[in-house]
Amino acid sequence: MPMTELPIEKAFMLIEPGPVILVTTRENGRDNIMTITWHMVMDFTPRIALTTGPWNHSFDALIHTKECVLAIPTVDLAEKVVGIGDCSGAQVDKFDKFGLTPLPASDVSAPLIAECVACLECRVAQYLEFPGMFILQGTRAWIDDTREERRRIHANGDGTFVADGDTLNLRSLMLDKLPPGV
């Protein structure tokens, strides 16, 4: 079967990253949550790249406070995750509107989200104005091992999502590449 051309405007959908994450910030005593898919793990430390800009209410908090929490939602939170991304924290208290529970973090003022399966406290190590990329350094990680739902969601970029499926264990082929403790 031959390939057909895909409009270049849709090319990002082929490699849209995942999982969808929630980014929490706190500025001037006010918590906020942002939904984002444009992120990338850069190394094992962990260093993470996250792309956003001034059109996003959380952008100013990231610039000013230089800290955030990356919270990993699961499939059962998918509709809330989309709703969070569809309104602005400038007008809405998203924790209240979506019935989410802020928990205190240890290293940053931004809150963890109790309903998420995992959270990563981060500090902004660098901001690259072009291409609008924050380089985040993880400082502390949290996981809820009691949570039954663990499937994460991945955006296709067109309003549809894919849930994690079966895990392929190819660890034995990669042992020489993995850092100690992983």
N, C-alpha and C. Protein backbone atom coordinates (compact mmCIF):
# COMPACT_ATOMS: atom_id res chain seq x y z
N MET A 1 0.84 -1.17 0.00
CA MET A 1 0.00 0.00 0.00
C MET A 1 0.89 1.24 0.00
N PRO A 2 0.70 2.13 -0.94
CA PRO A 2 1.55 3.33 -1.02
C PRO A 2 1.17 4.35 0.04
N MET A 3 2.12 5.18 0.39
CA MET A 3 1.86 6.26 1.34
C MET A 3 1.17 7.40 0.61
N THR A 4 0.34 8.15 1.36
CA THR A 4 -0.26 9.37 0.83
C THR A 4 0.24 10.53 1.67
N GLU A 5 0.30 11.69 1.06
CA GLU A 5 0.83 12.85 1.76
C GLU A 5 -0.12 13.34 2.84
N LEU A 6 0.45 13.68 3.98
CA LEU A 6 -0.29 14.24 5.10
C LEU A 6 -0.02 15.74 5.11
N PRO A 7 -1.04 16.57 5.31
CA PRO A 7 -0.78 18.02 5.40
C PRO A 7 0.25 18.31 6.48
N ILE A 8 1.21 19.16 6.19
CA ILE A 8 2.31 19.44 7.11
C ILE A 8 1.79 19.98 8.44
N GLU A 9 0.63 20.64 8.45
CA GLU A 9 0.06 21.15 9.69
C GLU A 9 -0.31 20.03 10.65
N LYS A 10 -0.43 18.81 10.16
CA LYS A 10 -0.80 17.67 11.00
C LYS A 10 0.39 16.78 11.35
N ALA A 11 1.58 17.13 10.89
CA ALA A 11 2.75 16.29 11.10
C ALA A 11 3.07 16.09 12.58
N PHE A 12 2.83 17.11 13.41
CA PHE A 12 3.12 16.98 14.84
C PHE A 12 2.33 15.84 15.46
N MET A 13 1.18 15.52 14.89
CA MET A 13 0.34 14.46 15.44
C MET A 13 1.01 13.08 15.35
N LEU A 14 1.96 12.95 14.46
CA LEU A 14 2.66 11.67 14.30
C LEU A 14 3.61 11.39 15.45
N ILE A 15 4.12 12.45 16.06
CA ILE A 15 5.11 12.27 17.14
C ILE A 15 4.73 13.04 18.40
N GLU A 16 3.43 13.36 18.52
CA GLU A 16 2.96 14.06 19.73
C GLU A 16 3.47 13.31 20.96
N PRO A 17 4.11 14.03 21.88
CA PRO A 17 4.66 13.35 23.05
C PRO A 17 3.58 12.95 24.04
N GLY A 18 3.98 12.23 25.01
CA GLY A 18 3.05 11.84 26.05
C GLY A 18 3.85 11.51 27.28
N PRO A 19 3.25 11.34 28.38
CA PRO A 19 1.82 11.45 28.61
C PRO A 19 1.38 12.90 28.77
N VAL A 20 0.07 13.10 28.72
CA VAL A 20 -0.47 14.41 29.06
C VAL A 20 -0.13 14.64 30.53
N ILE A 21 0.35 15.84 30.85
CA ILE A 21 0.67 16.14 32.24
C ILE A 21 -0.05 17.40 32.69
N LEU A 22 -0.15 17.56 33.99
CA LEU A 22 -0.68 18.77 34.60
C LEU A 22 0.49 19.48 35.27
N VAL A 23 0.61 20.77 35.04
CA VAL A 23 1.68 21.57 35.63
C VAL A 23 1.03 22.50 36.65
N THR A 24 1.47 22.39 37.91
CA THR A 24 0.95 23.30 38.92
C THR A 24 1.98 24.38 39.22
N THR A 25 1.45 25.57 39.51
CA THR A 25 2.28 26.70 39.92
C THR A 25 1.58 27.39 41.08
N ARG A 26 2.34 28.18 41.82
CA ARG A 26 1.77 29.05 42.84
C ARG A 26 2.47 30.39 42.72
N GLU A 27 1.65 31.42 42.54
CA GLU A 27 2.20 32.78 42.48
C GLU A 27 1.27 33.69 43.27
N ASN A 28 1.86 34.51 44.11
CA ASN A 28 1.09 35.44 44.96
C ASN A 28 0.04 34.69 45.78
N GLY A 29 0.40 33.51 46.28
CA GLY A 29 -0.49 32.74 47.12
C GLY A 29 -1.62 32.02 46.39
N ARG A 30 -1.62 32.06 45.06
CA ARG A 30 -2.70 31.46 44.28
C ARG A 30 -2.18 30.28 43.47
N ASP A 31 -2.83 29.12 43.65
CA ASP A 31 -2.46 27.92 42.92
C ASP A 31 -3.11 27.90 41.55
N ASN A 32 -2.44 27.29 40.60
CA ASN A 32 -2.99 27.13 39.26
C ASN A 32 -2.56 25.78 38.69
N ILE A 33 -3.32 25.32 37.70
CA ILE A 33 -3.00 24.08 37.00
C ILE A 33 -3.09 24.34 35.50
N MET A 34 -2.13 23.81 34.75
CA MET A 34 -2.10 23.90 33.29
C MET A 34 -1.98 22.48 32.74
N THR A 35 -2.75 22.17 31.70
CA THR A 35 -2.60 20.92 30.97
C THR A 35 -1.61 21.14 29.84
N ILE A 36 -0.69 20.18 29.66
CA ILE A 36 0.29 20.34 28.57
C ILE A 36 0.74 18.98 28.05
N THR A 37 1.04 18.95 26.77
CA THR A 37 1.59 17.74 26.15
C THR A 37 2.96 18.01 25.54
N TRP A 38 3.34 19.25 25.43
CA TRP A 38 4.60 19.57 24.77
C TRP A 38 5.73 19.59 25.79
N HIS A 39 6.25 18.40 26.04
CA HIS A 39 7.34 18.23 26.99
C HIS A 39 8.20 17.06 26.54
N MET A 40 9.39 17.00 27.13
CA MET A 40 10.34 15.96 26.72
C MET A 40 11.33 15.69 27.85
N VAL A 41 11.54 14.43 28.16
CA VAL A 41 12.59 14.06 29.10
C VAL A 41 13.92 14.25 28.39
N MET A 42 14.86 14.92 29.05
CA MET A 42 16.15 15.20 28.43
C MET A 42 17.25 14.27 28.90
N ASP A 43 17.15 13.80 30.15
CA ASP A 43 18.15 12.87 30.67
C ASP A 43 17.62 12.19 31.92
N PHE A 44 18.45 11.38 32.55
CA PHE A 44 18.04 10.59 33.70
C PHE A 44 18.02 11.37 35.02
N THR A 45 18.45 12.64 35.06
CA THR A 45 18.67 13.33 36.34
C THR A 45 17.42 13.66 37.14
N PRO A 46 16.25 13.88 36.84
CA PRO A 46 15.70 14.11 35.51
C PRO A 46 15.65 15.59 35.15
N ARG A 47 15.99 15.84 33.93
CA ARG A 47 15.85 17.18 33.35
C ARG A 47 14.76 17.05 32.29
N ILE A 48 13.82 18.00 32.29
CA ILE A 48 12.67 17.94 31.40
C ILE A 48 12.54 19.27 30.67
N ALA A 49 12.27 19.22 29.38
CA ALA A 49 11.97 20.43 28.61
C ALA A 49 10.45 20.56 28.50
N LEU A 50 9.97 21.77 28.65
CA LEU A 50 8.55 22.05 28.58
C LEU A 50 8.37 23.31 27.76
N THR A 51 7.48 23.28 26.77
CA THR A 51 7.29 24.42 25.89
C THR A 51 5.94 25.06 26.12
N THR A 52 5.96 26.36 26.40
CA THR A 52 4.74 27.16 26.51
C THR A 52 5.14 28.62 26.29
N GLY A 53 4.18 29.52 26.39
CA GLY A 53 4.50 30.92 26.15
C GLY A 53 3.54 31.85 26.86
N PRO A 54 3.67 33.15 26.61
CA PRO A 54 2.90 34.17 27.33
C PRO A 54 1.39 34.09 27.12
N TRP A 55 0.93 33.34 26.15
CA TRP A 55 -0.51 33.16 25.95
C TRP A 55 -1.11 32.31 27.06
N ASN A 56 -0.27 31.65 27.82
CA ASN A 56 -0.70 30.73 28.86
C ASN A 56 -0.55 31.40 30.22
N HIS A 57 -1.59 31.39 31.05
CA HIS A 57 -1.57 32.04 32.37
C HIS A 57 -0.43 31.52 33.25
N SER A 58 -0.09 30.26 33.14
CA SER A 58 0.98 29.68 33.97
C SER A 58 2.37 30.17 33.58
N PHE A 59 2.50 30.71 32.39
CA PHE A 59 3.81 31.17 31.90
C PHE A 59 4.43 32.18 32.86
N ASP A 60 3.66 33.19 33.26
CA ASP A 60 4.20 34.23 34.16
C ASP A 60 4.67 33.63 35.48
N ALA A 61 3.90 32.70 36.02
CA ALA A 61 4.30 32.06 37.29
C ALA A 61 5.61 31.29 37.11
N LEU A 62 5.76 30.59 36.00
CA LEU A 62 7.01 29.87 35.75
C LEU A 62 8.19 30.83 35.63
N ILE A 63 7.98 31.94 34.95
CA ILE A 63 9.04 32.94 34.79
C ILE A 63 9.41 33.56 36.14
N HIS A 64 8.40 33.95 36.93
CA HIS A 64 8.65 34.68 38.18
C HIS A 64 9.10 33.78 39.33
N THR A 65 8.45 32.63 39.51
CA THR A 65 8.76 31.79 40.67
C THR A 65 9.86 30.78 40.38
N LYS A 66 10.04 30.46 39.10
CA LYS A 66 11.06 29.50 38.66
C LYS A 66 10.89 28.12 39.31
N GLU A 67 9.61 27.72 39.48
CA GLU A 67 9.34 26.40 40.04
C GLU A 67 7.94 25.94 39.65
N CYS A 68 7.74 24.63 39.71
CA CYS A 68 6.44 24.04 39.39
C CYS A 68 6.42 22.59 39.85
N VAL A 69 5.27 21.96 39.69
CA VAL A 69 5.13 20.53 39.89
C VAL A 69 4.54 19.95 38.62
N LEU A 70 5.12 18.86 38.14
CA LEU A 70 4.55 18.11 37.02
C LEU A 70 3.77 16.95 37.63
N ALA A 71 2.47 16.93 37.41
CA ALA A 71 1.60 15.89 37.97
C ALA A 71 1.12 14.99 36.84
N ILE A 72 1.16 13.68 37.07
CA ILE A 72 0.83 12.70 36.03
C ILE A 72 -0.58 12.16 36.29
N PRO A 73 -1.56 12.60 35.48
CA PRO A 73 -2.92 12.09 35.65
C PRO A 73 -3.08 10.74 34.94
N THR A 74 -4.14 10.05 35.31
CA THR A 74 -4.46 8.76 34.69
C THR A 74 -5.79 8.87 33.94
N VAL A 75 -6.13 7.80 33.25
CA VAL A 75 -7.29 7.77 32.37
C VAL A 75 -8.57 8.24 33.05
N ASP A 76 -8.76 7.90 34.31
CA ASP A 76 -9.99 8.28 35.02
C ASP A 76 -10.12 9.80 35.19
N LEU A 77 -9.04 10.53 34.98
CA LEU A 77 -9.07 11.99 35.10
C LEU A 77 -9.11 12.69 33.74
N ALA A 78 -9.24 11.94 32.65
CA ALA A 78 -9.11 12.49 31.30
C ALA A 78 -10.03 13.68 31.04
N GLU A 79 -11.30 13.58 31.40
CA GLU A 79 -12.22 14.69 31.13
C GLU A 79 -11.84 15.93 31.95
N LYS A 80 -11.39 15.74 33.18
CA LYS A 80 -10.94 16.88 33.98
C LYS A 80 -9.69 17.51 33.37
N VAL A 81 -8.78 16.67 32.88
CA VAL A 81 -7.54 17.15 32.27
C VAL A 81 -7.85 18.04 31.06
N VAL A 82 -8.79 17.61 30.22
CA VAL A 82 -9.19 18.41 29.06
C VAL A 82 -9.86 19.70 29.53
N GLY A 83 -10.74 19.61 30.53
CA GLY A 83 -11.40 20.80 31.06
C GLY A 83 -10.42 21.81 31.63
N ILE A 84 -9.40 21.33 32.31
CA ILE A 84 -8.36 22.21 32.87
C ILE A 84 -7.66 22.97 31.76
N GLY A 85 -7.41 22.29 30.65
CA GLY A 85 -6.74 22.93 29.52
C GLY A 85 -7.65 23.86 28.73
N ASP A 86 -8.95 23.79 29.00
CA ASP A 86 -9.91 24.55 28.22
C ASP A 86 -10.39 25.82 28.94
N CYS A 87 -9.78 26.15 30.08
CA CYS A 87 -10.14 27.39 30.77
C CYS A 87 -8.86 28.02 31.32
N SER A 88 -8.96 29.28 31.70
CA SER A 88 -7.78 30.01 32.16
C SER A 88 -7.79 30.17 33.68
N GLY A 89 -6.64 29.94 34.27
CA GLY A 89 -6.46 30.16 35.70
C GLY A 89 -6.55 31.63 36.08
N ALA A 90 -6.54 32.51 35.10
CA ALA A 90 -6.71 33.93 35.38
C ALA A 90 -8.14 34.20 35.86
N GLN A 91 -9.10 33.38 35.43
CA GLN A 91 -10.50 33.57 35.81
C GLN A 91 -11.04 32.49 36.73
N VAL A 92 -10.38 31.33 36.80
CA VAL A 92 -10.95 30.17 37.47
C VAL A 92 -9.97 29.57 38.47
N ASP A 93 -10.45 29.19 39.63
CA ASP A 93 -9.66 28.37 40.55
C ASP A 93 -9.84 26.93 40.09
N LYS A 94 -8.86 26.42 39.38
CA LYS A 94 -9.00 25.10 38.75
C LYS A 94 -9.05 23.96 39.77
N PHE A 95 -8.37 24.09 40.89
CA PHE A 95 -8.46 23.05 41.92
C PHE A 95 -9.92 22.94 42.39
N ASP A 96 -10.55 24.07 42.63
CA ASP A 96 -11.94 24.08 43.10
C ASP A 96 -12.89 23.60 42.00
N LYS A 97 -12.77 24.17 40.82
CA LYS A 97 -13.69 23.84 39.71
C LYS A 97 -13.66 22.36 39.36
N PHE A 98 -12.49 21.73 39.40
CA PHE A 98 -12.37 20.34 38.97
C PHE A 98 -12.26 19.35 40.13
N GLY A 99 -12.46 19.84 41.36
CA GLY A 99 -12.49 18.97 42.51
C GLY A 99 -11.19 18.23 42.77
N LEU A 100 -10.08 18.93 42.59
CA LEU A 100 -8.76 18.33 42.83
C LEU A 100 -8.19 18.83 44.15
N THR A 101 -7.34 18.01 44.74
CA THR A 101 -6.81 18.29 46.07
C THR A 101 -5.34 18.70 46.01
N PRO A 102 -5.02 19.95 46.38
CA PRO A 102 -3.60 20.35 46.43
C PRO A 102 -2.96 19.78 47.69
N LEU A 103 -1.77 19.23 47.52
CA LEU A 103 -0.98 18.73 48.64
C LEU A 103 0.32 19.52 48.70
N PRO A 104 0.86 19.75 49.90
CA PRO A 104 2.11 20.50 49.98
C PRO A 104 3.29 19.72 49.39
N ALA A 105 4.09 20.42 48.63
CA ALA A 105 5.33 19.86 48.12
C ALA A 105 6.43 20.11 49.15
N SER A 106 7.58 19.50 48.95
CA SER A 106 8.69 19.66 49.89
C SER A 106 9.70 20.73 49.47
N ASP A 107 10.00 20.80 48.18
CA ASP A 107 11.06 21.68 47.70
C ASP A 107 10.56 22.93 47.00
N VAL A 108 9.28 22.96 46.60
CA VAL A 108 8.73 24.09 45.87
C VAL A 108 7.41 24.51 46.50
N SER A 109 6.95 25.71 46.19
CA SER A 109 5.68 26.17 46.76
C SER A 109 4.48 25.69 45.96
N ALA A 110 4.67 25.32 44.70
CA ALA A 110 3.57 24.79 43.89
C ALA A 110 3.10 23.47 44.49
N PRO A 111 1.80 23.20 44.43
CA PRO A 111 1.28 21.99 45.08
C PRO A 111 1.36 20.73 44.21
N LEU A 112 1.42 19.59 44.90
CA LEU A 112 1.19 18.30 44.26
C LEU A 112 -0.32 18.17 44.05
N ILE A 113 -0.75 17.24 43.21
CA ILE A 113 -2.17 16.96 43.03
C ILE A 113 -2.43 15.55 43.55
N ALA A 114 -3.24 15.45 44.62
CA ALA A 114 -3.48 14.17 45.30
C ALA A 114 -4.07 13.11 44.38
N GLU A 115 -4.89 13.50 43.44
CA GLU A 115 -5.58 12.54 42.58
C GLU A 115 -4.69 11.98 41.46
N CYS A 116 -3.51 12.52 41.28
CA CYS A 116 -2.60 12.03 40.23
C CYS A 116 -1.78 10.85 40.74
N VAL A 117 -1.33 10.03 39.82
CA VAL A 117 -0.57 8.83 40.21
C VAL A 117 0.86 9.18 40.63
N ALA A 118 1.37 10.29 40.13
CA ALA A 118 2.74 10.69 40.46
C ALA A 118 2.90 12.19 40.28
N CYS A 119 3.88 12.75 40.97
CA CYS A 119 4.19 14.17 40.86
C CYS A 119 5.70 14.35 40.92
N LEU A 120 6.19 15.35 40.22
CA LEU A 120 7.62 15.65 40.19
C LEU A 120 7.81 17.13 40.48
N GLU A 121 8.45 17.44 41.60
CA GLU A 121 8.76 18.82 41.93
C GLU A 121 9.92 19.28 41.06
N CYS A 122 9.82 20.49 40.51
CA CYS A 122 10.84 20.97 39.58
C CYS A 122 11.19 22.43 39.83
N ARG A 123 12.41 22.76 39.49
CA ARG A 123 12.87 24.15 39.45
C ARG A 123 13.24 24.47 38.00
N VAL A 124 12.99 25.71 37.61
CA VAL A 124 13.37 26.15 36.28
C VAL A 124 14.88 26.37 36.27
N ALA A 125 15.58 25.59 35.48
CA ALA A 125 17.03 25.73 35.35
C ALA A 125 17.39 26.79 34.31
N GLN A 126 16.53 26.90 33.30
CA GLN A 126 16.81 27.83 32.21
C GLN A 126 15.53 28.07 31.43
N TYR A 127 15.39 29.27 30.88
CA TYR A 127 14.30 29.55 29.94
C TYR A 127 14.92 30.03 28.65
N LEU A 128 14.58 29.37 27.56
CA LEU A 128 15.06 29.75 26.23
C LEU A 128 13.93 30.48 25.52
N GLU A 129 14.09 31.81 25.38
CA GLU A 129 13.00 32.63 24.82
C GLU A 129 12.56 32.10 23.46
N PHE A 130 13.51 31.80 22.62
CA PHE A 130 13.17 31.10 21.38
C PHE A 130 13.81 29.73 21.49
N PRO A 131 13.04 28.73 21.58
CA PRO A 131 11.67 28.48 21.12
C PRO A 131 10.60 28.49 22.21
N GLY A 132 10.76 29.25 23.28
CA GLY A 132 9.77 29.27 24.35
C GLY A 132 9.84 28.01 25.19
N MET A 133 11.05 27.63 25.55
CA MET A 133 11.26 26.35 26.23
C MET A 133 11.83 26.55 27.62
N PHE A 134 11.16 25.94 28.59
CA PHE A 134 11.66 25.90 29.95
C PHE A 134 12.45 24.60 30.12
N ILE A 135 13.64 24.70 30.68
CA ILE A 135 14.40 23.51 31.06
C ILE A 135 14.19 23.36 32.56
N LEU A 136 13.55 22.27 32.95
CA LEU A 136 13.22 22.02 34.35
C LEU A 136 14.15 20.97 34.92
N GLN A 137 14.53 21.17 36.17
CA GLN A 137 15.32 20.17 36.89
C GLN A 137 14.45 19.59 37.99
N GLY A 138 14.19 18.29 37.91
CA GLY A 138 13.43 17.62 38.95
C GLY A 138 14.21 17.60 40.25
N THR A 139 13.52 17.87 41.36
CA THR A 139 14.19 17.88 42.66
C THR A 139 13.69 16.79 43.59
N ARG A 140 12.43 16.38 43.41
CA ARG A 140 11.84 15.36 44.27
C ARG A 140 10.67 14.73 43.52
N ALA A 141 10.54 13.41 43.61
CA ALA A 141 9.46 12.69 42.92
C ALA A 141 8.59 11.96 43.93
N TRP A 142 7.29 11.89 43.61
CA TRP A 142 6.30 11.25 44.47
C TRP A 142 5.45 10.30 43.63
N ILE A 143 5.05 9.17 44.20
CA ILE A 143 4.18 8.22 43.49
C ILE A 143 3.18 7.64 44.48
N ASP A 144 1.97 7.41 44.00
CA ASP A 144 0.92 6.79 44.81
C ASP A 144 0.84 5.32 44.41
N ASP A 145 1.53 4.47 45.15
CA ASP A 145 1.57 3.04 44.84
C ASP A 145 0.25 2.34 45.13
N THR A 146 -0.67 3.01 45.84
CA THR A 146 -1.95 2.38 46.16
C THR A 146 -3.00 2.63 45.08
N ARG A 147 -2.70 3.51 44.16
CA ARG A 147 -3.68 3.86 43.12
C ARG A 147 -3.85 2.70 42.15
N GLU A 148 -5.08 2.25 41.98
CA GLU A 148 -5.35 1.12 41.08
C GLU A 148 -5.23 1.52 39.62
N GLU A 149 -5.80 2.67 39.24
CA GLU A 149 -5.71 3.12 37.84
C GLU A 149 -4.33 3.72 37.62
N ARG A 150 -3.59 3.16 36.69
CA ARG A 150 -2.23 3.63 36.44
C ARG A 150 -2.02 4.01 34.97
N ARG A 151 -3.01 3.75 34.13
CA ARG A 151 -2.86 4.06 32.70
C ARG A 151 -2.83 5.57 32.48
N ARG A 152 -1.80 6.02 31.80
CA ARG A 152 -1.69 7.43 31.47
C ARG A 152 -2.34 7.69 30.13
N ILE A 153 -2.60 8.96 29.84
CA ILE A 153 -3.22 9.33 28.57
C ILE A 153 -2.22 10.09 27.72
N HIS A 154 -2.33 9.88 26.43
CA HIS A 154 -1.44 10.51 25.46
C HIS A 154 -2.30 11.21 24.41
N ALA A 155 -1.97 12.45 24.13
CA ALA A 155 -2.74 13.23 23.15
C ALA A 155 -2.31 12.89 21.74
N ASN A 156 -3.28 12.80 20.85
CA ASN A 156 -2.99 12.65 19.42
C ASN A 156 -2.87 14.01 18.75
N GLY A 157 -3.26 15.08 19.45
CA GLY A 157 -3.13 16.42 18.91
C GLY A 157 -4.37 16.91 18.19
N ASP A 158 -5.40 16.08 18.11
CA ASP A 158 -6.62 16.49 17.40
C ASP A 158 -7.87 16.34 18.27
N GLY A 159 -7.67 16.33 19.58
CA GLY A 159 -8.79 16.17 20.49
C GLY A 159 -9.10 14.72 20.84
N THR A 160 -8.31 13.80 20.30
CA THR A 160 -8.45 12.39 20.66
C THR A 160 -7.23 11.98 21.46
N PHE A 161 -7.38 10.91 22.24
CA PHE A 161 -6.33 10.47 23.14
C PHE A 161 -6.18 8.96 23.07
N VAL A 162 -5.01 8.49 23.47
CA VAL A 162 -4.73 7.07 23.55
C VAL A 162 -4.36 6.78 25.00
N ALA A 163 -4.87 5.69 25.52
CA ALA A 163 -4.52 5.27 26.88
C ALA A 163 -3.39 4.26 26.80
N ASP A 164 -2.52 4.28 27.82
CA ASP A 164 -1.48 3.26 27.89
C ASP A 164 -2.09 1.88 27.76
N GLY A 165 -1.36 0.99 27.15
CA GLY A 165 -1.82 -0.39 27.00
C GLY A 165 -0.84 -1.34 27.65
N ASP A 166 -0.62 -2.45 27.00
CA ASP A 166 0.30 -3.47 27.52
C ASP A 166 1.72 -2.93 27.60
N THR A 167 2.46 -3.39 28.59
CA THR A 167 3.85 -3.02 28.75
C THR A 167 4.71 -4.11 28.11
N LEU A 168 5.64 -3.67 27.27
CA LEU A 168 6.60 -4.60 26.68
C LEU A 168 7.86 -4.53 27.52
N ASN A 169 8.31 -5.63 28.06
CA ASN A 169 9.50 -5.64 28.90
C ASN A 169 10.70 -6.08 28.07
N LEU A 170 11.49 -5.11 27.65
CA LEU A 170 12.72 -5.36 26.90
C LEU A 170 13.94 -4.91 27.70
N ARG A 171 13.78 -4.85 28.99
CA ARG A 171 14.81 -4.38 29.91
C ARG A 171 16.13 -5.11 29.71
N SER A 172 16.08 -6.41 29.53
CA SER A 172 17.31 -7.21 29.41
C SER A 172 18.17 -6.76 28.23
N LEU A 173 17.55 -6.15 27.23
CA LEU A 173 18.30 -5.67 26.06
C LEU A 173 18.93 -4.31 26.29
N MET A 174 18.56 -3.64 27.39
CA MET A 174 19.01 -2.27 27.63
C MET A 174 19.80 -2.10 28.92
N LEU A 175 20.10 -3.15 29.61
CA LEU A 175 20.76 -3.04 30.93
C LEU A 175 22.03 -2.21 30.89
N ASP A 176 22.79 -2.28 29.81
CA ASP A 176 24.04 -1.52 29.74
C ASP A 176 23.81 -0.02 29.57
N LYS A 177 22.57 0.40 29.27
CA LYS A 177 22.27 1.83 29.06
C LYS A 177 21.61 2.47 30.28
N LEU A 178 21.07 1.66 31.18
CA LEU A 178 20.31 2.18 32.31
C LEU A 178 21.23 2.56 33.47
N PRO A 179 20.95 3.71 34.10
CA PRO A 179 21.77 4.09 35.26
C PRO A 179 21.46 3.21 36.46
N PRO A 180 22.36 3.12 37.41
CA PRO A 180 22.12 2.33 38.61
C PRO A 180 20.83 2.77 39.31
N GLY A 181 20.08 1.81 39.79
CA GLY A 181 18.86 2.09 40.53
C GLY A 181 17.61 2.22 39.67
N VAL A 182 17.75 2.21 38.37
CA VAL A 182 16.59 2.32 37.50
C VAL A 182 16.09 0.94 37.14
